[in-house]
Amino acid sequence: MIDEPLRPPWQMDWTKQAQHDFQNMPVEGSDLIMSARAELITAEDPYSGGSTPMPRSRTG
């Protein structure tokens, strides 16, 4: 166990200690973290503007 508070899953660091802690946690916990991570990775960007093309600079 570590003395510092746990970090939210979106602030995961994959240091050797974090990797060790992740590999040694109960399966239910690692499944929950991987599920939350997958949701964050696949979520749509609310600032992307959808299919609106980005403005381009004009070339002479």
Protein backbone atom coordinates (compact mmCIF):
# COMPACT_ATOMS: atom_id res chain seq x y z
CA MET A 1 0.00 0.00 0.00
CA ILE A 2 1.18 3.53 -0.69
CA ASP A 3 0.83 6.55 1.58
CA GLU A 4 -0.23 9.07 -1.06
CA PRO A 5 -3.89 9.36 -2.12
CA LEU A 6 -5.08 7.51 -5.21
CA ARG A 7 -5.27 9.48 -8.44
CA PRO A 8 -8.32 9.65 -10.67
CA PRO A 9 -8.11 7.22 -13.61
CA TRP A 10 -7.72 10.02 -16.18
CA GLN A 11 -4.48 11.01 -14.46
CA MET A 12 -2.97 7.54 -14.61
CA ASP A 13 0.74 7.33 -14.82
CA TRP A 14 2.32 4.16 -16.09
CA THR A 15 5.45 4.21 -13.96
CA LYS A 16 6.88 0.91 -12.76
CA GLN A 17 5.20 1.40 -9.38
CA ALA A 18 1.83 2.19 -10.98
CA GLN A 19 2.17 -0.81 -13.28
CA HIS A 20 3.01 -3.03 -10.31
CA ASP A 21 0.04 -1.70 -8.31
CA PHE A 22 -2.30 -2.15 -11.29
CA GLN A 23 -1.19 -5.72 -11.91
CA ASN A 24 -1.63 -6.63 -8.24
CA MET A 25 -5.07 -5.11 -7.69
CA PRO A 26 -8.23 -7.24 -7.64
CA VAL A 27 -9.63 -8.13 -11.08
CA GLU A 28 -12.81 -6.14 -10.42
CA GLY A 29 -10.75 -2.99 -9.83
CA SER A 30 -8.57 -3.37 -12.90
CA ASP A 31 -11.63 -4.12 -15.05
CA LEU A 32 -13.31 -0.97 -13.76
CA ILE A 33 -10.24 1.15 -14.51
CA MET A 34 -9.83 -0.29 -18.01
CA SER A 35 -13.53 0.26 -18.72
CA ALA A 36 -13.33 3.89 -17.61
CA ARG A 37 -10.15 4.37 -19.63
CA ALA A 38 -11.82 2.92 -22.74
CA GLU A 39 -14.73 5.36 -22.32
CA LEU A 40 -12.33 8.28 -22.06
CA ILE A 41 -10.35 7.20 -25.11
CA THR A 42 -13.40 6.61 -27.32
CA ALA A 43 -15.49 9.60 -26.19
CA GLU A 44 -16.27 12.23 -28.80
CA ASP A 45 -14.43 15.51 -28.42
CA PRO A 46 -17.09 18.11 -27.47
CA TYR A 47 -14.89 20.87 -28.91
CA SER A 48 -14.24 19.28 -32.31
CA GLY A 49 -17.23 20.87 -34.06
CA GLY A 50 -18.27 17.61 -35.70
CA SER A 51 -18.03 17.69 -39.48
CA THR A 52 -17.30 21.43 -39.69
CA PRO A 53 -14.09 21.82 -41.68
CA MET A 54 -11.24 23.77 -40.14
CA PRO A 55 -10.50 27.11 -41.80
CA ARG A 56 -7.49 27.10 -44.12
CA SER A 57 -5.17 29.90 -44.99
CA ARG A 58 -5.29 31.07 -48.57
CA THR A 59 -2.25 30.60 -50.71
CA GLY A 60 -1.66 33.08 -53.54
